[in-house]
Amino acid sequence: MTVQIILHDNTTITAEMTDYNATELAAKLNDPKILMVAIGNIVINKQSVKLIAPVQQQ
């Protein structure tokens, strides 16, 4: 699944995730012990993430 990541500075990144699970991703983003998360093939500082949403396929 393709997801779009929007950062607080309004930068938009698109990533491909083979096993997208919103609940697991939210748990990682809310874990205070984790500073960086892997989203598909991208590793990002979780404090920078504003929104992660699936891209609608047409």
PDB file of N, CA and C in Angstrom:
ATOM      1  N   MET A   1       0.847  -1.174   0.000  1.00  0.00           N
ATOM      2  CA  MET A   1       0.000   0.000   0.000  1.00  0.00           C
ATOM      3  C   MET A   1       0.891   1.235   0.000  1.00  0.00           C
ATOM      4  N   THR A   2       0.498   2.218  -0.738  1.00  0.00           N
ATOM      5  CA  THR A   2       1.213   3.485  -0.782  1.00  0.00           C
ATOM      6  C   THR A   2       0.613   4.415   0.268  1.00  0.00           C
ATOM      7  N   VAL A   3       1.501   5.027   1.078  1.00  0.00           N
ATOM      8  CA  VAL A   3       1.041   5.977   2.084  1.00  0.00           C
ATOM      9  C   VAL A   3       1.720   7.311   1.852  1.00  0.00           C
ATOM     10  N   GLN A   4       1.031   8.354   2.241  1.00  0.00           N
ATOM     11  CA  GLN A   4       1.564   9.703   2.142  1.00  0.00           C
ATOM     12  C   GLN A   4       1.843  10.186   3.556  1.00  0.00           C
ATOM     13  N   ILE A   5       3.043  10.712   3.764  1.00  0.00           N
ATOM     14  CA  ILE A   5       3.457  11.219   5.064  1.00  0.00           C
ATOM     15  C   ILE A   5       3.600  12.727   4.937  1.00  0.00           C
ATOM     16  N   ILE A   6       2.885  13.450   5.765  1.00  0.00           N
ATOM     17  CA  ILE A   6       2.980  14.910   5.766  1.00  0.00           C
ATOM     18  C   ILE A   6       3.666  15.315   7.065  1.00  0.00           C
ATOM     19  N   LEU A   7       4.711  16.114   6.932  1.00  0.00           N
ATOM     20  CA  LEU A   7       5.482  16.559   8.089  1.00  0.00           C
ATOM     21  C   LEU A   7       4.981  17.910   8.573  1.00  0.00           C
ATOM     22  N   HIS A   8       5.412  18.324   9.751  1.00  0.00           N
ATOM     23  CA  HIS A   8       4.956  19.596  10.326  1.00  0.00           C
ATOM     24  C   HIS A   8       5.361  20.802   9.487  1.00  0.00           C
ATOM     25  N   ASP A   9       6.426  20.674   8.683  1.00  0.00           N
ATOM     26  CA  ASP A   9       6.814  21.782   7.815  1.00  0.00           C
ATOM     27  C   ASP A   9       6.125  21.695   6.449  1.00  0.00           C
ATOM     28  N   ASN A  10       5.104  20.835   6.353  1.00  0.00           N
ATOM     29  CA  ASN A  10       4.285  20.603   5.157  1.00  0.00           C
ATOM     30  C   ASN A  10       5.024  19.906   4.020  1.00  0.00           C
ATOM     31  N   THR A  11       6.180  19.315   4.299  1.00  0.00           N
ATOM     32  CA  THR A  11       6.844  18.455   3.329  1.00  0.00           C
ATOM     33  C   THR A  11       6.004  17.189   3.188  1.00  0.00           C
ATOM     34  N   THR A  12       5.843  16.716   1.961  1.00  0.00           N
ATOM     35  CA  THR A  12       5.087  15.497   1.704  1.00  0.00           C
ATOM     36  C   THR A  12       6.021  14.422   1.175  1.00  0.00           C
ATOM     37  N   ILE A  13       5.944  13.232   1.769  1.00  0.00           N
ATOM     38  CA  ILE A  13       6.755  12.089   1.366  1.00  0.00           C
ATOM     39  C   ILE A  13       5.809  10.937   1.063  1.00  0.00           C
ATOM     40  N   THR A  14       6.083  10.209   0.008  1.00  0.00           N
ATOM     41  CA  THR A  14       5.293   9.031  -0.337  1.00  0.00           C
ATOM     42  C   THR A  14       6.152   7.801  -0.104  1.00  0.00           C
ATOM     43  N   ALA A  15       5.567   6.791   0.553  1.00  0.00           N
ATOM     44  CA  ALA A  15       6.304   5.563   0.853  1.00  0.00           C
ATOM     45  C   ALA A  15       5.427   4.356   0.533  1.00  0.00           C
ATOM     46  N   GLU A  16       6.070   3.270   0.190  1.00  0.00           N
ATOM     47  CA  GLU A  16       5.384   2.013  -0.085  1.00  0.00           C
ATOM     48  C   GLU A  16       5.523   1.112   1.140  1.00  0.00           C
ATOM     49  N   MET A  17       4.389   0.669   1.692  1.00  0.00           N
ATOM     50  CA  MET A  17       4.401  -0.225   2.856  1.00  0.00           C
ATOM     51  C   MET A  17       3.719  -1.528   2.466  1.00  0.00           C
ATOM     52  N   THR A  18       4.401  -2.649   2.677  1.00  0.00           N
ATOM     53  CA  THR A  18       3.811  -3.944   2.330  1.00  0.00           C
ATOM     54  C   THR A  18       2.803  -4.399   3.370  1.00  0.00           C
ATOM     55  N   ASP A  19       2.985  -3.975   4.618  1.00  0.00           N
ATOM     56  CA  ASP A  19       2.098  -4.432   5.694  1.00  0.00           C
ATOM     57  C   ASP A  19       1.591  -3.249   6.521  1.00  0.00           C
ATOM     58  N   TYR A  20       0.860  -2.346   5.892  1.00  0.00           N
ATOM     59  CA  TYR A  20       0.341  -1.158   6.576  1.00  0.00           C
ATOM     60  C   TYR A  20      -0.704  -1.570   7.600  1.00  0.00           C
ATOM     61  N   ASN A  21      -0.480  -1.176   8.837  1.00  0.00           N
ATOM     62  CA  ASN A  21      -1.429  -1.414   9.917  1.00  0.00           C
ATOM     63  C   ASN A  21      -1.453  -0.144  10.757  1.00  0.00           C
ATOM     64  N   ALA A  22      -2.525   0.608  10.653  1.00  0.00           N
ATOM     65  CA  ALA A  22      -2.617   1.910  11.319  1.00  0.00           C
ATOM     66  C   ALA A  22      -2.478   1.793  12.833  1.00  0.00           C
ATOM     67  N   THR A  23      -3.028   0.743  13.415  1.00  0.00           N
ATOM     68  CA  THR A  23      -2.964   0.569  14.868  1.00  0.00           C
ATOM     69  C   THR A  23      -1.530   0.351  15.336  1.00  0.00           C
ATOM     70  N   GLU A  24      -0.779  -0.508  14.634  1.00  0.00           N
ATOM     71  CA  GLU A  24       0.614  -0.761  15.004  1.00  0.00           C
ATOM     72  C   GLU A  24       1.480   0.478  14.790  1.00  0.00           C
ATOM     73  N   LEU A  25       1.241   1.182  13.712  1.00  0.00           N
ATOM     74  CA  LEU A  25       2.006   2.395  13.431  1.00  0.00           C
ATOM     75  C   LEU A  25       1.728   3.467  14.485  1.00  0.00           C
ATOM     76  N   ALA A  26       0.473   3.610  14.888  1.00  0.00           N
ATOM     77  CA  ALA A  26       0.122   4.581  15.934  1.00  0.00           C
ATOM     78  C   ALA A  26       0.787   4.222  17.254  1.00  0.00           C
ATOM     79  N   ALA A  27       0.859   2.932  17.570  1.00  0.00           N
ATOM     80  CA  ALA A  27       1.513   2.499  18.806  1.00  0.00           C
ATOM     81  C   ALA A  27       2.990   2.875  18.789  1.00  0.00           C
ATOM     82  N   LYS A  28       3.653   2.693  17.655  1.00  0.00           N
ATOM     83  CA  LYS A  28       5.064   3.076  17.537  1.00  0.00           C
ATOM     84  C   LYS A  28       5.232   4.582  17.680  1.00  0.00           C
ATOM     85  N   LEU A  29       4.365   5.347  17.035  1.00  0.00           N
ATOM     86  CA  LEU A  29       4.477   6.800  17.093  1.00  0.00           C
ATOM     87  C   LEU A  29       4.185   7.352  18.493  1.00  0.00           C
ATOM     88  N   ASN A  30       3.367   6.637  19.262  1.00  0.00           N
ATOM     89  CA  ASN A  30       3.010   7.094  20.608  1.00  0.00           C
ATOM     90  C   ASN A  30       3.912   6.543  21.702  1.00  0.00           C
ATOM     91  N   ASP A  31       4.846   5.653  21.349  1.00  0.00           N
ATOM     92  CA  ASP A  31       5.762   5.072  22.332  1.00  0.00           C
ATOM     93  C   ASP A  31       6.853   6.092  22.664  1.00  0.00           C
ATOM     94  N   PRO A  32       6.931   6.546  23.931  1.00  0.00           N
ATOM     95  CA  PRO A  32       7.918   7.577  24.289  1.00  0.00           C
ATOM     96  C   PRO A  32       9.367   7.100  24.205  1.00  0.00           C
ATOM     97  N   LYS A  33       9.609   5.787  24.158  1.00  0.00           N
ATOM     98  CA  LYS A  33      10.974   5.259  24.082  1.00  0.00           C
ATOM     99  C   LYS A  33      11.521   5.268  22.662  1.00  0.00           C
ATOM    100  N   ILE A  34      10.650   5.406  21.674  1.00  0.00           N
ATOM    101  CA  ILE A  34      11.054   5.359  20.270  1.00  0.00           C
ATOM    102  C   ILE A  34      11.197   6.776  19.734  1.00  0.00           C
ATOM    103  N   LEU A  35      12.362   7.076  19.115  1.00  0.00           N
ATOM    104  CA  LEU A  35      12.590   8.397  18.533  1.00  0.00           C
ATOM    105  C   LEU A  35      12.410   8.400  17.017  1.00  0.00           C
ATOM    106  N   MET A  36      12.772   7.293  16.370  1.00  0.00           N
ATOM    107  CA  MET A  36      12.692   7.181  14.916  1.00  0.00           C
ATOM    108  C   MET A  36      11.805   5.993  14.566  1.00  0.00           C
ATOM    109  N   VAL A  37      11.044   6.115  13.484  1.00  0.00           N
ATOM    110  CA  VAL A  37      10.207   5.002  13.018  1.00  0.00           C
ATOM    111  C   VAL A  37      10.484   4.736  11.547  1.00  0.00           C
ATOM    112  N   ALA A  38      10.360   3.478  11.173  1.00  0.00           N
ATOM    113  CA  ALA A  38      10.483   3.092   9.774  1.00  0.00           C
ATOM    114  C   ALA A  38       9.086   3.040   9.182  1.00  0.00           C
ATOM    115  N   ILE A  39       8.889   3.783   8.121  1.00  0.00           N
ATOM    116  CA  ILE A  39       7.620   3.785   7.400  1.00  0.00           C
ATOM    117  C   ILE A  39       7.960   3.375   5.973  1.00  0.00           C
ATOM    118  N   GLY A  40       7.690   2.115   5.670  1.00  0.00           N
ATOM    119  CA  GLY A  40       8.118   1.581   4.381  1.00  0.00           C
ATOM    120  C   GLY A  40       9.633   1.582   4.327  1.00  0.00           C
ATOM    121  N   ASN A  41      10.198   2.204   3.308  1.00  0.00           N
ATOM    122  CA  ASN A  41      11.651   2.253   3.160  1.00  0.00           C
ATOM    123  C   ASN A  41      12.237   3.572   3.667  1.00  0.00           C
ATOM    124  N   ILE A  42      11.477   4.301   4.474  1.00  0.00           N
ATOM    125  CA  ILE A  42      11.902   5.600   4.998  1.00  0.00           C
ATOM    126  C   ILE A  42      11.993   5.524   6.519  1.00  0.00           C
ATOM    127  N   VAL A  43      13.067   6.050   7.076  1.00  0.00           N
ATOM    128  CA  VAL A  43      13.206   6.179   8.526  1.00  0.00           C
ATOM    129  C   VAL A  43      13.083   7.658   8.837  1.00  0.00           C
ATOM    130  N   ILE A  44      12.202   7.981   9.769  1.00  0.00           N
ATOM    131  CA  ILE A  44      11.893   9.386  10.025  1.00  0.00           C
ATOM    132  C   ILE A  44      11.765   9.650  11.529  1.00  0.00           C
ATOM    133  N   ASN A  45      12.126  10.850  11.943  1.00  0.00           N
ATOM    134  CA  ASN A  45      11.951  11.268  13.329  1.00  0.00           C
ATOM    135  C   ASN A  45      10.449  11.395  13.577  1.00  0.00           C
ATOM    136  N   LYS A  46       9.944  10.664  14.547  1.00  0.00           N
ATOM    137  CA  LYS A  46       8.489  10.637  14.759  1.00  0.00           C
ATOM    138  C   LYS A  46       7.928  11.993  15.174  1.00  0.00           C
ATOM    139  N   GLN A  47       8.767  12.883  15.729  1.00  0.00           N
ATOM    140  CA  GLN A  47       8.302  14.214  16.119  1.00  0.00           C
ATOM    141  C   GLN A  47       7.970  15.088  14.912  1.00  0.00           C
ATOM    142  N   SER A  48       8.479  14.714  13.747  1.00  0.00           N
ATOM    143  CA  SER A  48       8.241  15.487  12.524  1.00  0.00           C
ATOM    144  C   SER A  48       6.928  15.137  11.839  1.00  0.00           C
ATOM    145  N   VAL A  49       6.346  14.011  12.189  1.00  0.00           N
ATOM    146  CA  VAL A  49       5.174  13.495  11.477  1.00  0.00           C
ATOM    147  C   VAL A  49       3.907  14.220  11.908  1.00  0.00           C
ATOM    148  N   LYS A  50       3.193  14.732  10.928  1.00  0.00           N
ATOM    149  CA  LYS A  50       1.918  15.403  11.166  1.00  0.00           C
ATOM    150  C   LYS A  50       0.756  14.488  10.798  1.00  0.00           C
ATOM    151  N   LEU A  51       0.898  13.766   9.660  1.00  0.00           N
ATOM    152  CA  LEU A  51      -0.192  12.926   9.160  1.00  0.00           C
ATOM    153  C   LEU A  51       0.372  11.796   8.329  1.00  0.00           C
ATOM    154  N   ILE A  52      -0.197  10.606   8.484  1.00  0.00           N
ATOM    155  CA  ILE A  52       0.105   9.470   7.621  1.00  0.00           C
ATOM    156  C   ILE A  52      -1.238   8.958   7.131  1.00  0.00           C
ATOM    157  N   ALA A  53      -1.388   8.884   5.817  1.00  0.00           N
ATOM    158  CA  ALA A  53      -2.662   8.445   5.244  1.00  0.00           C
ATOM    159  C   ALA A  53      -2.430   7.602   4.006  1.00  0.00           C
ATOM    160  N   PRO A  54      -3.265   6.581   3.812  1.00  0.00           N
ATOM    161  CA  PRO A  54      -3.162   5.786   2.579  1.00  0.00           C
ATOM    162  C   PRO A  54      -3.481   6.650   1.369  1.00  0.00           C
ATOM    163  N   VAL A  55      -2.776   6.411   0.285  1.00  0.00           N
ATOM    164  CA  VAL A  55      -3.029   7.124  -0.967  1.00  0.00           C
ATOM    165  C   VAL A  55      -4.158   6.391  -1.688  1.00  0.00           C
ATOM    166  N   GLN A  56      -5.151   7.121  -2.111  1.00  0.00           N
ATOM    167  CA  GLN A  56      -6.282   6.531  -2.820  1.00  0.00           C
ATOM    168  C   GLN A  56      -5.865   6.161  -4.240  1.00  0.00           C
ATOM    169  N   GLN A  57      -6.006   4.894  -4.587  1.00  0.00           N
ATOM    170  CA  GLN A  57      -5.694   4.435  -5.929  1.00  0.00           C
ATOM    171  C   GLN A  57      -6.901   4.659  -6.827  1.00  0.00           C
ATOM    172  N   GLN A  58      -6.655   5.141  -8.042  1.00  0.00           N
ATOM    173  CA  GLN A  58      -7.761   5.415  -8.974  1.00  0.00           C
ATOM    174  C   GLN A  58      -7.754   4.434 -10.109  1.00  0.00           C
TER     175      GLN A  58
END
